[in-house]
Structure formats: structure tokens, C-alpha cells
PDB file of N, CA and C in Angstrom:
ATOM      1  N   MET A   1     -21.829 -54.730  15.988  1.00  0.00           N
ATOM      2  CA  MET A   1     -21.429 -54.144  15.228  1.00  0.00           C
ATOM      3  C   MET A   1     -22.416 -54.662  14.050  1.00  0.00           C
ATOM      4  N   ASP A   2     -22.900 -53.550  13.229  1.00  0.00           N
ATOM      5  CA  ASP A   2     -23.532 -53.897  12.117  1.00  0.00           C
ATOM      6  C   ASP A   2     -22.259 -54.537  11.045  1.00  0.00           C
ATOM      7  N   ALA A   3     -22.923 -55.822  10.380  1.00  0.00           N
ATOM      8  CA  ALA A   3     -22.281 -56.472   9.206  1.00  0.00           C
ATOM      9  C   ALA A   3     -22.870 -55.773   7.905  1.00  0.00           C
ATOM     10  N   ARG A   4     -23.291 -55.054   7.949  1.00  0.00           N
ATOM     11  CA  ARG A   4     -23.637 -54.561   6.776  1.00  0.00           C
ATOM     12  C   ARG A   4     -22.864 -53.356   6.203  1.00  0.00           C
ATOM     13  N   LYS A   5     -22.185 -52.870   7.314  1.00  0.00           N
ATOM     14  CA  LYS A   5     -21.453 -51.645   7.420  1.00  0.00           C
ATOM     15  C   LYS A   5     -19.725 -52.744   7.347  1.00  0.00           C
ATOM     16  N   LEU A   6     -19.434 -53.417   7.663  1.00  0.00           N
ATOM     17  CA  LEU A   6     -18.369 -54.290   7.736  1.00  0.00           C
ATOM     18  C   LEU A   6     -17.883 -55.168   7.124  1.00  0.00           C
ATOM     19  N   CYS A   7     -18.997 -55.402   6.197  1.00  0.00           N
ATOM     20  CA  CYS A   7     -18.622 -56.070   4.783  1.00  0.00           C
ATOM     21  C   CYS A   7     -17.807 -55.848   3.372  1.00  0.00           C
ATOM     22  N   THR A   8     -17.191 -56.435   3.122  1.00  0.00           N
ATOM     23  CA  THR A   8     -16.420 -56.079   1.966  1.00  0.00           C
ATOM     24  C   THR A   8     -17.133 -56.132   0.505  1.00  0.00           C
ATOM     25  N   CYS A   9     -17.673 -57.080   0.678  1.00  0.00           N
ATOM     26  CA  CYS A   9     -18.114 -58.093  -0.482  1.00  0.00           C
ATOM     27  C   CYS A   9     -18.921 -57.283  -1.159  1.00  0.00           C
ATOM     28  N   LYS A  10     -18.495 -57.259  -2.859  1.00  0.00           N
ATOM     29  CA  LYS A  10     -19.082 -56.588  -3.512  1.00  0.00           C
ATOM     30  C   LYS A  10     -20.501 -56.995  -4.527  1.00  0.00           C
ATOM     31  N   ASP A  11     -20.785 -58.568  -3.792  1.00  0.00           N
ATOM     32  CA  ASP A  11     -21.613 -59.286  -4.767  1.00  0.00           C
ATOM     33  C   ASP A  11     -23.497 -58.905  -3.737  1.00  0.00           C
ATOM     34  N   THR A  12     -23.805 -57.760  -4.195  1.00  0.00           N
ATOM     35  CA  THR A  12     -25.035 -57.293  -3.174  1.00  0.00           C
ATOM     36  C   THR A  12     -25.931 -58.350  -3.520  1.00  0.00           C
ATOM     37  N   ALA A  13     -25.885 -58.914  -5.008  1.00  0.00           N
ATOM     38  CA  ALA A  13     -27.136 -59.896  -5.319  1.00  0.00           C
ATOM     39  C   ALA A  13     -26.852 -61.268  -4.855  1.00  0.00           C
ATOM     40  N   CYS A  14     -26.353 -61.340  -3.910  1.00  0.00           N
ATOM     41  CA  CYS A  14     -26.336 -62.519  -3.380  1.00  0.00           C
ATOM     42  C   CYS A  14     -26.714 -62.754  -2.241  1.00  0.00           C
ATOM     43  N   PRO A  15     -27.958 -63.861  -2.101  1.00  0.00           N
ATOM     44  CA  PRO A  15     -28.668 -64.326  -1.063  1.00  0.00           C
ATOM     45  C   PRO A  15     -28.375 -63.823   0.452  1.00  0.00           C
ATOM     46  N   CYS A  16     -27.158 -64.497   0.675  1.00  0.00           N
ATOM     47  CA  CYS A  16     -26.370 -64.236   1.705  1.00  0.00           C
ATOM     48  C   CYS A  16     -25.475 -63.177   2.318  1.00  0.00           C
ATOM     49  N   HIS A  17     -25.544 -62.167   1.408  1.00  0.00           N
ATOM     50  CA  HIS A  17     -24.646 -61.004   1.243  1.00  0.00           C
ATOM     51  C   HIS A  17     -25.767 -60.240   2.883  1.00  0.00           C
ATOM     52  N   PRO A  18     -25.053 -59.478   3.753  1.00  0.00           N
ATOM     53  CA  PRO A  18     -25.634 -59.223   4.898  1.00  0.00           C
ATOM     54  C   PRO A  18     -26.975 -58.358   4.479  1.00  0.00           C
ATOM     55  N   SER A  19     -26.187 -57.595   3.701  1.00  0.00           N
ATOM     56  CA  SER A  19     -27.483 -56.042   2.955  1.00  0.00           C
ATOM     57  C   SER A  19     -28.600 -57.101   2.658  1.00  0.00           C
ATOM     58  N   ASN A  20     -28.725 -58.161   2.918  1.00  0.00           N
ATOM     59  CA  ASN A  20     -30.119 -58.891   1.962  1.00  0.00           C
ATOM     60  C   ASN A  20     -31.075 -59.812   3.522  1.00  0.00           C
ATOM     61  N   HIS A  21     -30.334 -59.414   4.300  1.00  0.00           N
ATOM     62  CA  HIS A  21     -31.189 -60.504   5.413  1.00  0.00           C
ATOM     63  C   HIS A  21     -30.753 -59.871   6.993  1.00  0.00           C
ATOM     64  N   ASP A  22     -31.356 -60.324   7.765  1.00  0.00           N
ATOM     65  CA  ASP A  22     -30.785 -59.959   9.233  1.00  0.00           C
ATOM     66  C   ASP A  22     -29.975 -60.830   9.934  1.00  0.00           C
ATOM     67  N   GLN A  23     -29.223 -61.375   9.370  1.00  0.00           N
ATOM     68  CA  GLN A  23     -28.713 -62.347  10.421  1.00  0.00           C
ATOM     69  C   GLN A  23     -27.013 -62.682  10.105  1.00  0.00           C
ATOM     70  N   GLY A  24     -26.714 -61.205   9.942  1.00  0.00           N
ATOM     71  CA  GLY A  24     -24.983 -60.697   9.684  1.00  0.00           C
ATOM     72  C   GLY A  24     -24.454 -61.656   8.828  1.00  0.00           C
ATOM     73  N   CYS A  25     -23.111 -61.933   8.988  1.00  0.00           N
ATOM     74  CA  CYS A  25     -22.241 -62.443   8.626  1.00  0.00           C
ATOM     75  C   CYS A  25     -22.702 -64.271   8.346  1.00  0.00           C
ATOM     76  N   THR A  26     -23.329 -64.980   9.339  1.00  0.00           N
ATOM     77  CA  THR A  26     -23.759 -65.940   9.412  1.00  0.00           C
ATOM     78  C   THR A  26     -24.015 -66.788   8.248  1.00  0.00           C
ATOM     79  N   LEU A  27     -24.854 -66.326   7.237  1.00  0.00           N
ATOM     80  CA  LEU A  27     -25.569 -66.894   6.219  1.00  0.00           C
ATOM     81  C   LEU A  27     -24.231 -67.266   5.380  1.00  0.00           C
ATOM     82  N   CYS A  28     -23.412 -66.017   5.085  1.00  0.00           N
ATOM     83  CA  CYS A  28     -22.254 -66.358   4.328  1.00  0.00           C
ATOM     84  C   CYS A  28     -21.306 -67.098   4.833  1.00  0.00           C
ATOM     85  N   ILE A  29     -20.923 -67.244   5.780  1.00  0.00           N
ATOM     86  CA  ILE A  29     -19.791 -67.912   6.663  1.00  0.00           C
ATOM     87  C   ILE A  29     -20.443 -69.609   6.234  1.00  0.00           C
ATOM     88  N   ALA A  30     -21.684 -69.680   6.546  1.00  0.00           N
ATOM     89  CA  ALA A  30     -22.168 -71.501   6.745  1.00  0.00           C
ATOM     90  C   ALA A  30     -21.813 -71.585   5.081  1.00  0.00           C
ATOM     91  N   LYS A  31     -22.284 -70.947   4.293  1.00  0.00           N
ATOM     92  CA  LYS A  31     -22.257 -71.285   2.739  1.00  0.00           C
ATOM     93  C   LYS A  31     -20.906 -71.263   2.448  1.00  0.00           C
ATOM     94  N   ASN A  32     -20.073 -70.578   2.745  1.00  0.00           N
ATOM     95  CA  ASN A  32     -18.565 -70.611   2.235  1.00  0.00           C
ATOM     96  C   ASN A  32     -18.345 -72.045   3.117  1.00  0.00           C
ATOM     97  N   ARG A  33     -18.495 -72.530   3.911  1.00  0.00           N
ATOM     98  CA  ARG A  33     -18.074 -73.316   5.163  1.00  0.00           C
ATOM     99  C   ARG A  33     -18.276 -74.632   4.350  1.00  0.00           C
ATOM    100  N   LYS A  34     -19.869 -74.806   3.512  1.00  0.00           N
ATOM    101  CA  LYS A  34     -20.159 -75.954   3.093  1.00  0.00           C
ATOM    102  C   LYS A  34     -19.413 -76.248   2.079  1.00  0.00           C
ATOM    103  N   GLN A  35     -18.894 -75.285   0.919  1.00  0.00           N
ATOM    104  CA  GLN A  35     -18.704 -75.299  -0.017  1.00  0.00           C
ATOM    105  C   GLN A  35     -16.764 -75.348   0.257  1.00  0.00           C
ATOM    106  N   GLY A  36     -16.226 -75.406   1.105  1.00  0.00           N
ATOM    107  CA  GLY A  36     -15.027 -75.338   1.231  1.00  0.00           C
ATOM    108  C   GLY A  36     -14.181 -74.123   0.879  1.00  0.00           C
ATOM    109  N   GLU A  37     -14.939 -73.062   0.988  1.00  0.00           N
ATOM    110  CA  GLU A  37     -14.498 -72.134   0.682  1.00  0.00           C
ATOM    111  C   GLU A  37     -14.305 -70.713   1.709  1.00  0.00           C
ATOM    112  N   ILE A  38     -13.492 -69.626   1.171  1.00  0.00           N
ATOM    113  CA  ILE A  38     -13.496 -68.985   2.207  1.00  0.00           C
ATOM    114  C   ILE A  38     -14.124 -67.452   1.898  1.00  0.00           C
ATOM    115  N   PRO A  39     -14.714 -66.842   2.636  1.00  0.00           N
ATOM    116  CA  PRO A  39     -15.645 -65.865   2.246  1.00  0.00           C
ATOM    117  C   PRO A  39     -14.817 -64.473   1.645  1.00  0.00           C
ATOM    118  N   ALA A  40     -15.700 -63.560   0.802  1.00  0.00           N
ATOM    119  CA  ALA A  40     -14.952 -62.659  -0.305  1.00  0.00           C
ATOM    120  C   ALA A  40     -14.215 -61.617   0.525  1.00  0.00           C
ATOM    121  N   CYS A  41     -14.571 -61.469   1.776  1.00  0.00           N
ATOM    122  CA  CYS A  41     -14.127 -60.558   2.514  1.00  0.00           C
ATOM    123  C   CYS A  41     -12.378 -60.683   3.053  1.00  0.00           C
ATOM    124  N   PHE A  42     -11.979 -62.095   3.172  1.00  0.00           N
ATOM    125  CA  PHE A  42     -11.179 -62.310   3.363  1.00  0.00           C
ATOM    126  C   PHE A  42      -9.819 -62.199   2.122  1.00  0.00           C
ATOM    127  N   PHE A  43     -10.294 -62.396   1.308  1.00  0.00           N
ATOM    128  CA  PHE A  43      -9.762 -61.953   0.008  1.00  0.00           C
ATOM    129  C   PHE A  43      -9.265 -60.496  -0.234  1.00  0.00           C
ATOM    130  N   ASN A  44     -10.195 -59.737  -0.312  1.00  0.00           N
ATOM    131  CA  ASN A  44     -10.360 -58.358   0.014  1.00  0.00           C
ATOM    132  C   ASN A  44      -9.409 -57.906   0.757  1.00  0.00           C
ATOM    133  N   GLU A  45      -9.118 -58.547   1.737  1.00  0.00           N
ATOM    134  CA  GLU A  45      -8.405 -57.493   3.102  1.00  0.00           C
ATOM    135  C   GLU A  45      -6.818 -57.886   2.676  1.00  0.00           C
ATOM    136  N   VAL A  46      -6.516 -59.365   1.905  1.00  0.00           N
ATOM    137  CA  VAL A  46      -4.799 -59.361   1.382  1.00  0.00           C
ATOM    138  C   VAL A  46      -4.528 -59.091  -0.208  1.00  0.00           C
ATOM    139  N   GLY A  47      -6.119 -58.776  -0.575  1.00  0.00           N
ATOM    140  CA  GLY A  47      -6.095 -58.824  -2.167  1.00  0.00           C
ATOM    141  C   GLY A  47      -6.082 -59.749  -3.022  1.00  0.00           C
ATOM    142  N   ARG A  48      -6.812 -59.566  -3.947  1.00  0.00           N
ATOM    143  CA  ARG A  48      -7.007 -60.374  -4.870  1.00  0.00           C
ATOM    144  C   ARG A  48      -6.613 -60.557  -6.292  1.00  0.00           C
ATOM    145  N   PRO A  49      -5.575 -61.147  -6.808  1.00  0.00           N
ATOM    146  CA  PRO A  49      -5.253 -60.910  -7.888  1.00  0.00           C
ATOM    147  C   PRO A  49      -6.184 -61.143  -8.981  1.00  0.00           C
ATOM    148  N   GLU A  50      -6.484 -59.881 -10.298  1.00  0.00           N
ATOM    149  CA  GLU A  50      -7.312 -59.756 -11.408  1.00  0.00           C
ATOM    150  C   GLU A  50      -7.210 -61.194 -12.017  1.00  0.00           C
ATOM    151  N   GLY A  51      -7.965 -61.885 -12.493  1.00  0.00           N
ATOM    152  CA  GLY A  51      -8.424 -62.982 -12.937  1.00  0.00           C
ATOM    153  C   GLY A  51      -8.589 -64.335 -12.236  1.00  0.00           C
ATOM    154  N   MET A  52      -8.261 -64.480 -10.845  1.00  0.00           N
ATOM    155  CA  MET A  52      -8.485 -65.141  -9.949  1.00  0.00           C
ATOM    156  C   MET A  52     -10.013 -65.585  -9.760  1.00  0.00           C
ATOM    157  N   LYS A  53     -10.472 -66.680  -9.972  1.00  0.00           N
ATOM    158  CA  LYS A  53     -11.665 -66.921 -10.114  1.00  0.00           C
ATOM    159  C   LYS A  53     -13.051 -67.418  -8.813  1.00  0.00           C
ATOM    160  N   ASP A  54     -11.523 -68.279  -8.074  1.00  0.00           N
ATOM    161  CA  ASP A  54     -12.403 -69.473  -6.937  1.00  0.00           C
ATOM    162  C   ASP A  54     -12.084 -68.620  -5.903  1.00  0.00           C
ATOM    163  N   TYR A  55     -12.887 -69.261  -5.107  1.00  0.00           N
ATOM    164  CA  TYR A  55     -12.654 -68.846  -3.401  1.00  0.00           C
ATOM    165  C   TYR A  55     -11.985 -69.592  -2.655  1.00  0.00           C
ATOM    166  N   PHE A  56     -11.470 -71.056  -3.173  1.00  0.00           N
ATOM    167  CA  PHE A  56     -11.179 -72.163  -2.039  1.00  0.00           C
ATOM    168  C   PHE A  56     -10.032 -71.738  -1.224  1.00  0.00           C
ATOM    169  N   TYR A  57      -9.750 -72.552  -0.165  1.00  0.00           N
ATOM    170  CA  TYR A  57      -8.618 -72.394   0.883  1.00  0.00           C
ATOM    171  C   TYR A  57      -7.113 -72.146  -0.086  1.00  0.00           C
ATOM    172  N   HIS A  58      -6.900 -72.927  -1.071  1.00  0.00           N
ATOM    173  CA  HIS A  58      -5.529 -73.101  -1.597  1.00  0.00           C
ATOM    174  C   HIS A  58      -5.200 -71.439  -2.345  1.00  0.00           C
ATOM    175  N   ASP A  59      -6.802 -71.036  -2.721  1.00  0.00           N
ATOM    176  CA  ASP A  59      -6.437 -69.470  -3.919  1.00  0.00           C
ATOM    177  C   ASP A  59      -6.080 -68.682  -2.638  1.00  0.00           C
ATOM    178  N   PHE A  60      -6.803 -68.706  -1.447  1.00  0.00           N
ATOM    179  CA  PHE A  60      -6.529 -67.731  -0.248  1.00  0.00           C
ATOM    180  C   PHE A  60      -4.899 -67.876   0.055  1.00  0.00           C
ATOM    181  N   ALA A  61      -4.482 -69.102   0.088  1.00  0.00           N
ATOM    182  CA  ALA A  61      -3.353 -69.163   0.554  1.00  0.00           C
ATOM    183  C   ALA A  61      -2.291 -68.583  -0.540  1.00  0.00           C
ATOM    184  N   GLU A  62      -2.753 -68.594  -1.958  1.00  0.00           N
ATOM    185  CA  GLU A  62      -2.052 -68.188  -3.101  1.00  0.00           C
ATOM    186  C   GLU A  62      -1.689 -66.664  -2.801  1.00  0.00           C
ATOM    187  N   CYS A  63      -3.091 -66.214  -2.727  1.00  0.00           N
ATOM    188  CA  CYS A  63      -3.398 -64.341  -2.283  1.00  0.00           C
ATOM    189  C   CYS A  63      -2.359 -64.014  -1.114  1.00  0.00           C
ATOM    190  N   VAL A  64      -2.300 -64.957  -0.110  1.00  0.00           N
ATOM    191  CA  VAL A  64      -1.607 -64.723   1.042  1.00  0.00           C
ATOM    192  C   VAL A  64       0.125 -64.502   0.620  1.00  0.00           C
ATOM    193  N   ARG A  65       0.035 -65.849   0.117  1.00  0.00           N
ATOM    194  CA  ARG A  65       1.789 -65.742  -0.316  1.00  0.00           C
ATOM    195  C   ARG A  65       1.964 -64.791  -1.409  1.00  0.00           C
ATOM    196  N   LEU A  66       1.424 -64.491  -2.129  1.00  0.00           N
ATOM    197  CA  LEU A  66       1.949 -63.299  -3.047  1.00  0.00           C
ATOM    198  C   LEU A  66       1.899 -62.023  -2.368  1.00  0.00           C
ATOM    199  N   LYS A  67       1.037 -61.727  -1.263  1.00  0.00           N
ATOM    200  CA  LYS A  67       1.127 -60.513  -0.651  1.00  0.00           C
ATOM    201  C   LYS A  67       2.342 -60.236   0.352  1.00  0.00           C
ATOM    202  N   GLU A  68       2.928 -61.411   0.615  1.00  0.00           N
ATOM    203  CA  GLU A  68       3.830 -61.436   1.290  1.00  0.00           C
ATOM    204  C   GLU A  68       5.062 -61.432   0.398  1.00  0.00           C
ATOM    205  N   GLN A  69       5.181 -61.598  -0.699  1.00  0.00           N
ATOM    206  CA  GLN A  69       6.505 -61.363  -1.387  1.00  0.00           C
ATOM    207  C   GLN A  69       6.325 -60.260  -1.814  1.00  0.00           C
ATOM    208  N   GLN A  70       5.555 -59.302  -1.896  1.00  0.00           N
ATOM    209  CA  GLN A  70       5.629 -57.622  -2.155  1.00  0.00           C
ATOM    210  C   GLN A  70       6.319 -57.298  -1.327  1.00  0.00           C
ATOM    211  N   LYS A  71       6.182 -57.880  -0.064  1.00  0.00           N
ATOM    212  CA  LYS A  71       6.816 -56.935   0.963  1.00  0.00           C
ATOM    213  C   LYS A  71       8.259 -56.773   1.220  1.00  0.00           C
TER     214      LYS A  71
END
């Protein structure tokens, strides 16, 4: 599967974005793991509230909690 077509991250200026190299999602995942974060594509899947600035695990958990409340 072509990561450039799969990726939902809008930050195409990021050097780790799959459109900027030939290593797929590997660089993005490695960068996020090192920083204790979750890639933007996961946030895009569950919906990220406007104004949320960080990508840490607890931020993602909050996004999931908010989505579950909307059901």
C-alpha cells in the first residue's frame, strides 16, 4: 500500500511526511514514539477538537472519550 495515499496528515512540510521520502510511515512513527506522541492520522480518524494543540497519548485518549460521548 502506498503510504502517500494512506496518510491523512495535512503537514506535508514535515520531513517525516510520506510525501517527502520513500520510507512510508516509518519515519513519522519513529519520531512520534520518541516524543511520546501519536501520529496525526490517528487523531484525524477519531476527530480532533479545534484548539487541541498536542499529540500526546492523553490527548488522543481525550479525543476518543469525546467521540464516544457523541454516540
